[in-house]
N, C-alpha and C. Protein backbone atom coordinates (compact mmCIF):
# COMPACT_ATOMS: atom_id res chain seq x y z
N UNK A 1 -62.07 -88.42 37.84
CA UNK A 1 -61.97 -89.32 36.71
C UNK A 1 -61.64 -88.53 35.45
N UNK A 2 -60.81 -89.11 34.64
CA UNK A 2 -60.46 -88.52 33.36
C UNK A 2 -61.55 -88.88 32.35
N UNK A 3 -61.93 -87.94 31.51
CA UNK A 3 -62.99 -88.16 30.52
C UNK A 3 -62.44 -87.95 29.12
N UNK A 4 -62.72 -88.93 28.25
CA UNK A 4 -62.39 -88.80 26.83
C UNK A 4 -63.71 -88.85 26.07
N UNK A 5 -64.01 -87.82 25.31
CA UNK A 5 -65.23 -87.77 24.51
C UNK A 5 -64.93 -88.25 23.10
N UNK A 6 -65.81 -89.12 22.59
CA UNK A 6 -65.69 -89.65 21.23
C UNK A 6 -66.96 -89.23 20.49
N UNK A 7 -66.81 -88.39 19.48
CA UNK A 7 -67.96 -87.76 18.83
C UNK A 7 -68.48 -88.59 17.66
N UNK A 8 -69.28 -89.60 18.00
CA UNK A 8 -70.01 -90.41 17.04
C UNK A 8 -71.23 -90.98 17.75
N UNK A 9 -72.28 -91.24 16.99
CA UNK A 9 -73.43 -91.91 17.58
C UNK A 9 -73.53 -93.35 17.10
N UNK A 10 -72.51 -93.82 16.40
CA UNK A 10 -72.49 -95.15 15.82
C UNK A 10 -71.69 -96.09 16.71
N UNK A 11 -72.39 -97.02 17.38
CA UNK A 11 -71.71 -97.93 18.31
C UNK A 11 -70.65 -98.78 17.62
N UNK A 12 -70.93 -99.21 16.40
CA UNK A 12 -69.96 -100.04 15.67
C UNK A 12 -68.66 -99.27 15.42
N UNK A 13 -68.78 -98.02 15.00
CA UNK A 13 -67.60 -97.18 14.80
C UNK A 13 -66.85 -97.00 16.12
N UNK A 14 -67.59 -96.68 17.18
CA UNK A 14 -66.97 -96.51 18.50
C UNK A 14 -66.23 -97.78 18.91
N UNK A 15 -66.88 -98.91 18.75
CA UNK A 15 -66.29 -100.19 19.13
C UNK A 15 -65.01 -100.47 18.34
N UNK A 16 -65.02 -100.14 17.05
CA UNK A 16 -63.85 -100.37 16.20
C UNK A 16 -62.64 -99.54 16.60
N UNK A 17 -62.87 -98.31 17.11
CA UNK A 17 -61.74 -97.43 17.44
C UNK A 17 -61.45 -97.34 18.93
N UNK A 18 -62.23 -98.02 19.77
CA UNK A 18 -62.12 -97.91 21.23
C UNK A 18 -60.68 -98.10 21.73
N UNK A 19 -60.02 -99.17 21.35
CA UNK A 19 -58.65 -99.44 21.82
C UNK A 19 -57.68 -98.35 21.35
N UNK A 20 -57.85 -97.88 20.12
CA UNK A 20 -56.99 -96.80 19.61
C UNK A 20 -57.20 -95.52 20.40
N UNK A 21 -58.46 -95.24 20.76
CA UNK A 21 -58.76 -94.04 21.54
C UNK A 21 -58.04 -94.11 22.89
N UNK A 22 -58.13 -95.28 23.55
CA UNK A 22 -57.48 -95.43 24.85
C UNK A 22 -55.96 -95.30 24.77
N UNK A 23 -55.38 -95.70 23.65
CA UNK A 23 -53.92 -95.64 23.53
C UNK A 23 -53.41 -94.34 22.92
N UNK A 24 -54.32 -93.43 22.58
CA UNK A 24 -53.92 -92.14 22.02
C UNK A 24 -53.63 -91.16 23.15
N UNK A 25 -52.37 -90.72 23.27
CA UNK A 25 -52.05 -89.76 24.33
C UNK A 25 -52.64 -88.39 24.01
N UNK A 26 -53.36 -87.84 24.97
CA UNK A 26 -53.98 -86.52 24.80
C UNK A 26 -53.68 -85.66 26.02
N UNK A 27 -53.37 -84.40 25.79
CA UNK A 27 -53.25 -83.44 26.88
C UNK A 27 -54.65 -82.97 27.24
N UNK A 28 -54.80 -82.39 28.43
CA UNK A 28 -56.11 -81.91 28.84
C UNK A 28 -56.65 -80.91 27.83
N UNK A 29 -57.92 -81.09 27.46
CA UNK A 29 -58.63 -80.26 26.49
C UNK A 29 -58.06 -80.34 25.07
N UNK A 30 -57.24 -81.35 24.80
CA UNK A 30 -56.72 -81.54 23.45
C UNK A 30 -57.72 -82.32 22.62
N UNK A 31 -57.80 -81.99 21.34
CA UNK A 31 -58.71 -82.65 20.42
C UNK A 31 -57.91 -83.20 19.25
N UNK A 32 -58.28 -84.39 18.78
CA UNK A 32 -57.61 -85.00 17.63
C UNK A 32 -58.62 -85.90 16.92
N UNK A 33 -58.17 -86.56 15.86
CA UNK A 33 -59.03 -87.50 15.14
C UNK A 33 -58.41 -88.89 15.17
N UNK A 34 -59.27 -89.90 15.31
CA UNK A 34 -58.89 -91.29 15.20
C UNK A 34 -59.79 -91.90 14.14
N UNK A 35 -59.19 -92.32 13.03
CA UNK A 35 -59.94 -92.90 11.91
C UNK A 35 -61.14 -92.04 11.50
N UNK A 36 -60.92 -90.72 11.43
CA UNK A 36 -61.94 -89.80 10.98
C UNK A 36 -62.95 -89.37 12.03
N UNK A 37 -62.82 -89.86 13.27
CA UNK A 37 -63.74 -89.52 14.35
C UNK A 37 -63.02 -88.58 15.31
N UNK A 38 -63.65 -87.47 15.64
CA UNK A 38 -63.07 -86.51 16.57
C UNK A 38 -63.16 -87.06 17.98
N UNK A 39 -62.03 -86.97 18.70
CA UNK A 39 -61.99 -87.32 20.12
C UNK A 39 -61.36 -86.16 20.87
N UNK A 40 -61.72 -86.01 22.14
CA UNK A 40 -61.10 -84.96 22.93
C UNK A 40 -60.97 -85.40 24.37
N UNK A 41 -59.92 -84.91 25.00
CA UNK A 41 -59.69 -85.17 26.42
C UNK A 41 -60.38 -84.04 27.16
N UNK A 42 -61.40 -84.39 27.92
CA UNK A 42 -62.25 -83.37 28.55
C UNK A 42 -61.85 -83.04 29.97
N UNK A 43 -60.70 -83.50 30.41
CA UNK A 43 -60.25 -83.17 31.76
C UNK A 43 -60.90 -84.03 32.82
N UNK A 44 -60.80 -83.58 34.05
CA UNK A 44 -61.34 -84.32 35.18
C UNK A 44 -62.84 -84.07 35.32
N UNK A 45 -63.55 -85.13 35.63
CA UNK A 45 -65.00 -85.07 35.82
C UNK A 45 -65.30 -85.63 37.21
N UNK A 46 -66.09 -84.93 38.01
CA UNK A 46 -66.42 -85.44 39.34
C UNK A 46 -67.31 -86.69 39.24
N UNK A 47 -67.19 -87.57 40.24
CA UNK A 47 -67.97 -88.82 40.26
C UNK A 47 -69.47 -88.57 40.19
N UNK A 48 -69.94 -87.48 40.81
CA UNK A 48 -71.38 -87.24 40.81
C UNK A 48 -71.93 -86.95 39.40
N UNK A 49 -71.08 -86.55 38.46
CA UNK A 49 -71.53 -86.34 37.08
C UNK A 49 -72.04 -87.66 36.50
N UNK A 50 -71.27 -88.72 36.70
CA UNK A 50 -71.66 -90.03 36.18
C UNK A 50 -72.97 -90.48 36.83
N UNK A 51 -73.06 -90.32 38.13
CA UNK A 51 -74.28 -90.73 38.84
C UNK A 51 -75.49 -89.94 38.34
N UNK A 52 -75.32 -88.66 38.10
CA UNK A 52 -76.43 -87.83 37.60
C UNK A 52 -76.82 -88.26 36.19
N UNK A 53 -75.83 -88.55 35.35
CA UNK A 53 -76.12 -88.96 33.97
C UNK A 53 -76.81 -90.32 33.91
N UNK A 54 -76.47 -91.23 34.84
CA UNK A 54 -77.08 -92.57 34.87
C UNK A 54 -78.60 -92.51 35.02
N UNK A 55 -79.10 -91.47 35.65
CA UNK A 55 -80.53 -91.38 35.92
C UNK A 55 -81.34 -90.88 34.73
N UNK A 56 -80.66 -90.40 33.70
CA UNK A 56 -81.36 -89.85 32.54
C UNK A 56 -81.79 -90.99 31.61
N UNK A 57 -83.02 -90.95 31.11
CA UNK A 57 -83.52 -92.06 30.29
C UNK A 57 -82.84 -92.20 28.92
N UNK A 58 -82.23 -91.14 28.41
CA UNK A 58 -81.61 -91.21 27.09
C UNK A 58 -80.11 -91.50 27.14
N UNK A 59 -79.61 -91.96 28.29
CA UNK A 59 -78.19 -92.26 28.46
C UNK A 59 -78.00 -93.76 28.62
N UNK A 60 -77.10 -94.32 27.81
CA UNK A 60 -76.74 -95.72 27.92
C UNK A 60 -75.45 -95.79 28.72
N UNK A 61 -75.42 -96.66 29.73
CA UNK A 61 -74.25 -96.81 30.60
C UNK A 61 -73.63 -98.18 30.34
N UNK A 62 -72.33 -98.19 30.06
CA UNK A 62 -71.58 -99.43 29.87
C UNK A 62 -70.42 -99.44 30.85
N UNK A 63 -70.01 -100.62 31.26
CA UNK A 63 -68.92 -100.76 32.22
C UNK A 63 -67.91 -101.77 31.69
N UNK A 64 -66.63 -101.41 31.72
CA UNK A 64 -65.54 -102.33 31.40
C UNK A 64 -64.93 -102.70 32.74
N UNK A 65 -65.44 -103.77 33.34
CA UNK A 65 -65.11 -104.11 34.72
C UNK A 65 -63.62 -104.36 34.96
N UNK A 66 -62.97 -105.07 34.07
CA UNK A 66 -61.56 -105.40 34.31
C UNK A 66 -60.65 -104.18 34.31
N UNK A 67 -61.10 -103.09 33.72
CA UNK A 67 -60.30 -101.86 33.70
C UNK A 67 -60.95 -100.75 34.52
N UNK A 68 -62.10 -101.02 35.15
CA UNK A 68 -62.83 -100.04 35.95
C UNK A 68 -63.16 -98.78 35.15
N UNK A 69 -63.52 -98.97 33.87
CA UNK A 69 -63.87 -97.87 32.97
C UNK A 69 -65.38 -97.83 32.83
N UNK A 70 -65.95 -96.64 32.86
CA UNK A 70 -67.37 -96.44 32.61
C UNK A 70 -67.51 -95.67 31.30
N UNK A 71 -68.47 -96.10 30.47
CA UNK A 71 -68.73 -95.44 29.19
C UNK A 71 -70.19 -95.01 29.18
N UNK A 72 -70.41 -93.75 28.87
CA UNK A 72 -71.77 -93.24 28.71
C UNK A 72 -71.99 -92.90 27.24
N UNK A 73 -73.13 -93.28 26.70
CA UNK A 73 -73.50 -92.88 25.35
C UNK A 73 -74.77 -92.05 25.43
N UNK A 74 -74.71 -90.87 24.86
CA UNK A 74 -75.90 -90.01 24.80
C UNK A 74 -75.74 -89.06 23.64
N UNK A 75 -76.82 -88.85 22.93
CA UNK A 75 -76.77 -87.97 21.77
C UNK A 75 -75.75 -88.45 20.76
N UNK A 76 -74.87 -87.58 20.38
CA UNK A 76 -73.87 -87.86 19.35
C UNK A 76 -72.49 -88.14 19.95
N UNK A 77 -72.45 -88.56 21.21
CA UNK A 77 -71.15 -88.70 21.88
C UNK A 77 -71.10 -89.92 22.79
N UNK A 78 -69.93 -90.52 22.84
CA UNK A 78 -69.59 -91.52 23.85
C UNK A 78 -68.60 -90.84 24.78
N UNK A 79 -68.78 -91.00 26.09
CA UNK A 79 -67.83 -90.46 27.05
C UNK A 79 -67.19 -91.64 27.79
N UNK A 80 -65.87 -91.71 27.74
CA UNK A 80 -65.12 -92.78 28.41
C UNK A 80 -64.53 -92.18 29.68
N UNK A 81 -64.88 -92.78 30.83
CA UNK A 81 -64.39 -92.29 32.12
C UNK A 81 -63.37 -93.28 32.67
N UNK A 82 -62.16 -92.79 32.89
CA UNK A 82 -61.05 -93.61 33.36
C UNK A 82 -60.62 -93.09 34.72
N UNK A 83 -60.61 -93.95 35.75
CA UNK A 83 -60.14 -93.50 37.07
C UNK A 83 -58.72 -92.96 36.98
N UNK A 84 -58.44 -91.93 37.72
CA UNK A 84 -57.12 -91.28 37.67
C UNK A 84 -55.97 -92.22 38.00
N UNK A 85 -56.21 -93.18 38.88
CA UNK A 85 -55.12 -94.07 39.27
C UNK A 85 -54.91 -95.22 38.30
N UNK A 86 -55.72 -95.28 37.24
CA UNK A 86 -55.59 -96.32 36.23
C UNK A 86 -54.68 -95.81 35.11
N UNK A 87 -53.81 -96.67 34.65
CA UNK A 87 -52.98 -96.38 33.50
C UNK A 87 -53.38 -97.40 32.43
N UNK A 88 -54.36 -97.09 31.64
CA UNK A 88 -55.03 -98.07 30.79
C UNK A 88 -54.09 -98.72 29.81
N UNK A 89 -53.66 -98.02 28.79
CA UNK A 89 -52.80 -98.64 27.77
C UNK A 89 -51.56 -97.80 27.48
N UNK A 90 -51.44 -96.65 28.06
CA UNK A 90 -50.34 -95.73 27.73
C UNK A 90 -49.02 -96.30 28.19
């Protein structure tokens, strides 16, 4: 799964820029800003990472079912996980 990290702890800010983040083309390990928020393409993440993170009490798990996207929120970051075979908005 491809992972995009969004460095904010504010859900409202994340929600406001979510679509822009998905449509921003990033190379692996590239970092940029969207509306003043740093985002980075974190490369491929194994499925077991998500499963391990789900068990932690300080992690919020969200699912965008129609796009098969999983979002984890923990600490100061949101992590968006996109299946490799999905072409979200690009």
